[in-house]
Amino acid sequence: MAIANAQARLNERRATEVEVIATVERGVTFPTQSSRTGFRCNFPFNAEWNGKFYTTKKVEAIAV
């Protein structure tokens, strides 16, 4: 069930599994609530999303 939920979240945010893996492997880390670790990385996007054009996409992943 957790994998299906994670895949659904990727789809709704237009992120790919490859981008999330790259974010965890080489992104900037930051602290989050509940003693978790966050990872953040920017990727080229150059596309429209929700009616607005973006040149970059910020992907954030939270690890338990």
PDB file of N, CA and C in Angstrom:
ATOM      1  N   MET A   1       0.813  -1.193   0.000  1.00  0.00           N
ATOM      2  CA  MET A   1       0.000   0.000   0.000  1.00  0.00           C
ATOM      3  C   MET A   1       0.860   1.263   0.000  1.00  0.00           C
ATOM      4  N   ALA A   2       1.965   1.261   0.756  1.00  0.00           N
ATOM      5  CA  ALA A   2       2.827   2.439   0.821  1.00  0.00           C
ATOM      6  C   ALA A   2       3.458   2.742  -0.529  1.00  0.00           C
ATOM      7  N   ILE A   3       3.806   1.709  -1.284  1.00  0.00           N
ATOM      8  CA  ILE A   3       4.410   1.917  -2.603  1.00  0.00           C
ATOM      9  C   ILE A   3       3.397   2.541  -3.545  1.00  0.00           C
ATOM     10  N   ALA A   4       2.162   2.078  -3.519  1.00  0.00           N
ATOM     11  CA  ALA A   4       1.117   2.643  -4.378  1.00  0.00           C
ATOM     12  C   ALA A   4       0.873   4.106  -4.019  1.00  0.00           C
ATOM     13  N   ASN A   5       0.886   4.426  -2.733  1.00  0.00           N
ATOM     14  CA  ASN A   5       0.695   5.805  -2.298  1.00  0.00           C
ATOM     15  C   ASN A   5       1.860   6.681  -2.754  1.00  0.00           C
ATOM     16  N   ALA A   6       3.068   6.183  -2.627  1.00  0.00           N
ATOM     17  CA  ALA A   6       4.245   6.940  -3.059  1.00  0.00           C
ATOM     18  C   ALA A   6       4.206   7.178  -4.566  1.00  0.00           C
ATOM     19  N   GLN A   7       3.805   6.168  -5.332  1.00  0.00           N
ATOM     20  CA  GLN A   7       3.725   6.316  -6.785  1.00  0.00           C
ATOM     21  C   GLN A   7       2.657   7.347  -7.161  1.00  0.00           C
ATOM     22  N   ALA A   8       1.538   7.333  -6.468  1.00  0.00           N
ATOM     23  CA  ALA A   8       0.479   8.313  -6.726  1.00  0.00           C
ATOM     24  C   ALA A   8       0.971   9.725  -6.436  1.00  0.00           C
ATOM     25  N   ARG A   9       1.735   9.893  -5.362  1.00  0.00           N
ATOM     26  CA  ARG A   9       2.274  11.220  -5.019  1.00  0.00           C
ATOM     27  C   ARG A   9       3.279  11.692  -6.077  1.00  0.00           C
ATOM     28  N   LEU A  10       4.085  10.777  -6.593  1.00  0.00           N
ATOM     29  CA  LEU A  10       5.013  11.132  -7.679  1.00  0.00           C
ATOM     30  C   LEU A  10       4.236  11.643  -8.886  1.00  0.00           C
ATOM     31  N   ASN A  11       3.198  10.935  -9.253  1.00  0.00           N
ATOM     32  CA  ASN A  11       2.417  11.311 -10.431  1.00  0.00           C
ATOM     33  C   ASN A  11       1.741  12.664 -10.265  1.00  0.00           C
ATOM     34  N   GLU A  12       1.147  12.919  -9.117  1.00  0.00           N
ATOM     35  CA  GLU A  12       0.446  14.191  -8.933  1.00  0.00           C
ATOM     36  C   GLU A  12       1.406  15.369  -8.862  1.00  0.00           C
ATOM     37  N   ARG A  13       2.662  15.111  -8.500  1.00  0.00           N
ATOM     38  CA  ARG A  13       3.666  16.183  -8.414  1.00  0.00           C
ATOM     39  C   ARG A  13       4.572  16.255  -9.644  1.00  0.00           C
ATOM     40  N   ARG A  14       4.323  15.386 -10.604  1.00  0.00           N
ATOM     41  CA  ARG A  14       5.101  15.336 -11.841  1.00  0.00           C
ATOM     42  C   ARG A  14       6.584  15.115 -11.587  1.00  0.00           C
ATOM     43  N   ALA A  15       6.894  14.307 -10.602  1.00  0.00           N
ATOM     44  CA  ALA A  15       8.278  13.913 -10.327  1.00  0.00           C
ATOM     45  C   ALA A  15       8.438  12.463 -10.770  1.00  0.00           C
ATOM     46  N   THR A  16       9.668  12.109 -11.074  1.00  0.00           N
ATOM     47  CA  THR A  16       9.932  10.730 -11.474  1.00  0.00           C
ATOM     48  C   THR A  16      10.695  10.010 -10.371  1.00  0.00           C
ATOM     49  N   GLU A  17      10.660   8.694 -10.427  1.00  0.00           N
ATOM     50  CA  GLU A  17      11.404   7.892  -9.464  1.00  0.00           C
ATOM     51  C   GLU A  17      12.901   8.179  -9.585  1.00  0.00           C
ATOM     52  N   VAL A  18      13.381   8.363 -10.798  1.00  0.00           N
ATOM     53  CA  VAL A  18      14.799   8.670 -11.035  1.00  0.00           C
ATOM     54  C   VAL A  18      15.178   9.989 -10.361  1.00  0.00           C
ATOM     55  N   GLU A  19      14.305  10.992 -10.452  1.00  0.00           N
ATOM     56  CA  GLU A  19      14.585  12.282  -9.815  1.00  0.00           C
ATOM     57  C   GLU A  19      14.628  12.148  -8.290  1.00  0.00           C
ATOM     58  N   VAL A  20      13.736  11.362  -7.728  1.00  0.00           N
ATOM     59  CA  VAL A  20      13.733  11.180  -6.275  1.00  0.00           C
ATOM     60  C   VAL A  20      15.004  10.462  -5.820  1.00  0.00           C
ATOM     61  N   ILE A  21      15.399   9.452  -6.544  1.00  0.00           N
ATOM     62  CA  ILE A  21      16.633   8.740  -6.196  1.00  0.00           C
ATOM     63  C   ILE A  21      17.832   9.685  -6.281  1.00  0.00           C
ATOM     64  N   ALA A  22      17.906  10.480  -7.340  1.00  0.00           N
ATOM     65  CA  ALA A  22      19.003  11.443  -7.487  1.00  0.00           C
ATOM     66  C   ALA A  22      18.968  12.483  -6.370  1.00  0.00           C
ATOM     67  N   THR A  23      17.780  12.888  -5.960  1.00  0.00           N
ATOM     68  CA  THR A  23      17.641  13.864  -4.875  1.00  0.00           C
ATOM     69  C   THR A  23      18.204  13.306  -3.577  1.00  0.00           C
ATOM     70  N   VAL A  24      17.909  12.061  -3.277  1.00  0.00           N
ATOM     71  CA  VAL A  24      18.417  11.439  -2.048  1.00  0.00           C
ATOM     72  C   VAL A  24      19.924  11.220  -2.139  1.00  0.00           C
ATOM     73  N   GLU A  25      20.402  10.834  -3.303  1.00  0.00           N
ATOM     74  CA  GLU A  25      21.832  10.542  -3.456  1.00  0.00           C
ATOM     75  C   GLU A  25      22.710  11.790  -3.463  1.00  0.00           C
ATOM     76  N   ARG A  26      22.240  12.889  -4.068  1.00  0.00           N
ATOM     77  CA  ARG A  26      23.127  14.049  -4.185  1.00  0.00           C
ATOM     78  C   ARG A  26      22.484  15.392  -3.841  1.00  0.00           C
ATOM     79  N   GLY A  27      21.293  15.351  -3.283  1.00  0.00           N
ATOM     80  CA  GLY A  27      20.615  16.591  -2.908  1.00  0.00           C
ATOM     81  C   GLY A  27      21.137  17.170  -1.603  1.00  0.00           C
ATOM     82  N   VAL A  28      20.690  18.357  -1.314  1.00  0.00           N
ATOM     83  CA  VAL A  28      21.021  19.029  -0.063  1.00  0.00           C
ATOM     84  C   VAL A  28      20.112  18.469   1.027  1.00  0.00           C
ATOM     85  N   THR A  29      20.687  18.166   2.185  1.00  0.00           N
ATOM     86  CA  THR A  29      19.871  17.642   3.284  1.00  0.00           C
ATOM     87  C   THR A  29      19.385  18.781   4.175  1.00  0.00           C
ATOM     88  N   PHE A  30      18.221  18.558   4.793  1.00  0.00           N
ATOM     89  CA  PHE A  30      17.681  19.529   5.732  1.00  0.00           C
ATOM     90  C   PHE A  30      16.871  18.779   6.792  1.00  0.00           C
ATOM     91  N   PRO A  31      16.815  19.317   8.011  1.00  0.00           N
ATOM     92  CA  PRO A  31      16.058  18.660   9.070  1.00  0.00           C
ATOM     93  C   PRO A  31      14.559  18.893   8.868  1.00  0.00           C
ATOM     94  N   THR A  32      13.763  17.932   9.298  1.00  0.00           N
ATOM     95  CA  THR A  32      12.307  18.072   9.234  1.00  0.00           C
ATOM     96  C   THR A  32      11.733  17.790  10.621  1.00  0.00           C
ATOM     97  N   GLN A  33      10.430  17.878  10.719  1.00  0.00           N
ATOM     98  CA  GLN A  33       9.761  17.541  11.977  1.00  0.00           C
ATOM     99  C   GLN A  33       9.857  16.035  12.216  1.00  0.00           C
ATOM    100  N   SER A  34       9.647  15.622  13.403  1.00  0.00           N
ATOM    101  CA  SER A  34       9.623  14.209  13.799  1.00  0.00           C
ATOM    102  C   SER A  34      10.939  13.486  13.547  1.00  0.00           C
ATOM    103  N   SER A  35      12.059  14.191  13.647  1.00  0.00           N
ATOM    104  CA  SER A  35      13.392  13.582  13.519  1.00  0.00           C
ATOM    105  C   SER A  35      13.614  12.877  12.187  1.00  0.00           C
ATOM    106  N   ARG A  36      13.041  13.394  11.138  1.00  0.00           N
ATOM    107  CA  ARG A  36      13.257  12.837   9.805  1.00  0.00           C
ATOM    108  C   ARG A  36      14.285  13.688   9.069  1.00  0.00           C
ATOM    109  N   THR A  37      14.775  13.183   7.957  1.00  0.00           N
ATOM    110  CA  THR A  37      15.726  13.915   7.136  1.00  0.00           C
ATOM    111  C   THR A  37      15.096  14.220   5.791  1.00  0.00           C
ATOM    112  N   GLY A  38      15.247  15.465   5.360  1.00  0.00           N
ATOM    113  CA  GLY A  38      14.738  15.862   4.053  1.00  0.00           C
ATOM    114  C   GLY A  38      15.889  16.024   3.082  1.00  0.00           C
ATOM    115  N   PHE A  39      15.583  15.814   1.817  1.00  0.00           N
ATOM    116  CA  PHE A  39      16.553  15.990   0.733  1.00  0.00           C
ATOM    117  C   PHE A  39      15.913  16.885  -0.315  1.00  0.00           C
ATOM    118  N   ARG A  40      16.684  17.814  -0.870  1.00  0.00           N
ATOM    119  CA  ARG A  40      16.156  18.777  -1.839  1.00  0.00           C
ATOM    120  C   ARG A  40      17.125  18.905  -3.000  1.00  0.00           C
ATOM    121  N   CYS A  41      16.570  18.938  -4.223  1.00  0.00           N
ATOM    122  CA  CYS A  41      17.393  19.083  -5.421  1.00  0.00           C
ATOM    123  C   CYS A  41      16.562  19.739  -6.522  1.00  0.00           C
ATOM    124  N   ASN A  42      17.191  20.581  -7.331  1.00  0.00           N
ATOM    125  CA  ASN A  42      16.521  21.221  -8.458  1.00  0.00           C
ATOM    126  C   ASN A  42      16.875  20.513  -9.761  1.00  0.00           C
ATOM    127  N   PHE A  43      15.876  20.427 -10.650  1.00  0.00           N
ATOM    128  CA  PHE A  43      16.047  19.807 -11.962  1.00  0.00           C
ATOM    129  C   PHE A  43      15.502  20.736 -13.032  1.00  0.00           C
ATOM    130  N   PRO A  44      16.077  20.701 -14.247  1.00  0.00           N
ATOM    131  CA  PRO A  44      15.509  21.481 -15.349  1.00  0.00           C
ATOM    132  C   PRO A  44      14.088  20.995 -15.631  1.00  0.00           C
ATOM    133  N   PHE A  45      13.185  21.913 -15.906  1.00  0.00           N
ATOM    134  CA  PHE A  45      11.795  21.536 -16.180  1.00  0.00           C
ATOM    135  C   PHE A  45      11.330  22.106 -17.519  1.00  0.00           C
ATOM    136  N   ASN A  46      11.403  23.433 -17.665  1.00  0.00           N
ATOM    137  CA  ASN A  46      11.054  24.109 -18.916  1.00  0.00           C
ATOM    138  C   ASN A  46       9.717  23.644 -19.489  1.00  0.00           C
ATOM    139  N   ALA A  47       8.698  23.687 -18.650  1.00  0.00           N
ATOM    140  CA  ALA A  47       7.360  23.280 -19.079  1.00  0.00           C
ATOM    141  C   ALA A  47       6.315  24.008 -18.243  1.00  0.00           C
ATOM    142  N   GLU A  48       5.085  23.896 -18.680  1.00  0.00           N
ATOM    143  CA  GLU A  48       3.976  24.501 -17.966  1.00  0.00           C
ATOM    144  C   GLU A  48       3.390  23.496 -16.979  1.00  0.00           C
ATOM    145  N   TRP A  49       3.011  24.004 -15.820  1.00  0.00           N
ATOM    146  CA  TRP A  49       2.332  23.183 -14.817  1.00  0.00           C
ATOM    147  C   TRP A  49       1.303  24.056 -14.124  1.00  0.00           C
ATOM    148  N   ASN A  50       0.079  23.592 -14.097  1.00  0.00           N
ATOM    149  CA  ASN A  50      -1.030  24.348 -13.505  1.00  0.00           C
ATOM    150  C   ASN A  50      -1.130  25.764 -14.073  1.00  0.00           C
ATOM    151  N   GLY A  51      -0.937  25.877 -15.383  1.00  0.00           N
ATOM    152  CA  GLY A  51      -1.108  27.155 -16.062  1.00  0.00           C
ATOM    153  C   GLY A  51       0.046  28.132 -15.943  1.00  0.00           C
ATOM    154  N   LYS A  52       1.167  27.705 -15.383  1.00  0.00           N
ATOM    155  CA  LYS A  52       2.321  28.584 -15.233  1.00  0.00           C
ATOM    156  C   LYS A  52       3.566  27.876 -15.756  1.00  0.00           C
ATOM    157  N   PHE A  53       4.449  28.630 -16.421  1.00  0.00           N
ATOM    158  CA  PHE A  53       5.677  28.075 -16.976  1.00  0.00           C
ATOM    159  C   PHE A  53       6.787  28.114 -15.929  1.00  0.00           C
ATOM    160  N   TYR A  54       7.489  26.990 -15.790  1.00  0.00           N
ATOM    161  CA  TYR A  54       8.596  26.879 -14.840  1.00  0.00           C
ATOM    162  C   TYR A  54       9.849  26.393 -15.570  1.00  0.00           C
ATOM    163  N   THR A  55      10.997  26.996 -15.252  1.00  0.00           N
ATOM    164  CA  THR A  55      12.255  26.551 -15.841  1.00  0.00           C
ATOM    165  C   THR A  55      12.906  25.454 -15.009  1.00  0.00           C
ATOM    166  N   THR A  56      12.621  25.432 -13.711  1.00  0.00           N
ATOM    167  CA  THR A  56      13.186  24.405 -12.842  1.00  0.00           C
ATOM    168  C   THR A  56      12.088  23.744 -12.023  1.00  0.00           C
ATOM    169  N   LYS A  57      12.401  22.550 -11.563  1.00  0.00           N
ATOM    170  CA  LYS A  57      11.496  21.787 -10.706  1.00  0.00           C
ATOM    171  C   LYS A  57      12.275  21.439  -9.443  1.00  0.00           C
ATOM    172  N   LYS A  58      11.721  21.780  -8.275  1.00  0.00           N
ATOM    173  CA  LYS A  58      12.355  21.431  -7.005  1.00  0.00           C
ATOM    174  C   LYS A  58      11.715  20.140  -6.505  1.00  0.00           C
ATOM    175  N   VAL A  59      12.551  19.131  -6.280  1.00  0.00           N
ATOM    176  CA  VAL A  59      12.075  17.862  -5.750  1.00  0.00           C
ATOM    177  C   VAL A  59      12.562  17.757  -4.319  1.00  0.00           C
ATOM    178  N   GLU A  60      11.634  17.432  -3.420  1.00  0.00           N
ATOM    179  CA  GLU A  60      11.974  17.192  -2.018  1.00  0.00           C
ATOM    180  C   GLU A  60      11.515  15.799  -1.641  1.00  0.00           C
ATOM    181  N   ALA A  61      12.367  15.088  -0.927  1.00  0.00           N
ATOM    182  CA  ALA A  61      12.040  13.747  -0.434  1.00  0.00           C
ATOM    183  C   ALA A  61      12.301  13.718   1.061  1.00  0.00           C
ATOM    184  N   ILE A  62      11.406  13.084   1.792  1.00  0.00           N
ATOM    185  CA  ILE A  62      11.529  12.973   3.242  1.00  0.00           C
ATOM    186  C   ILE A  62      11.776  11.501   3.586  1.00  0.00           C
ATOM    187  N   ALA A  63      12.816  11.253   4.364  1.00  0.00           N
ATOM    188  CA  ALA A  63      13.162   9.879   4.762  1.00  0.00           C
ATOM    189  C   ALA A  63      12.813   9.662   6.229  1.00  0.00           C
ATOM    190  N   VAL A  64      12.320   8.492   6.520  1.00  0.00           N
ATOM    191  CA  VAL A  64      11.975   8.130   7.888  1.00  0.00           C
ATOM    192  C   VAL A  64      13.223   7.676   8.615  1.00  0.00           C
TER     193      VAL A  64
END
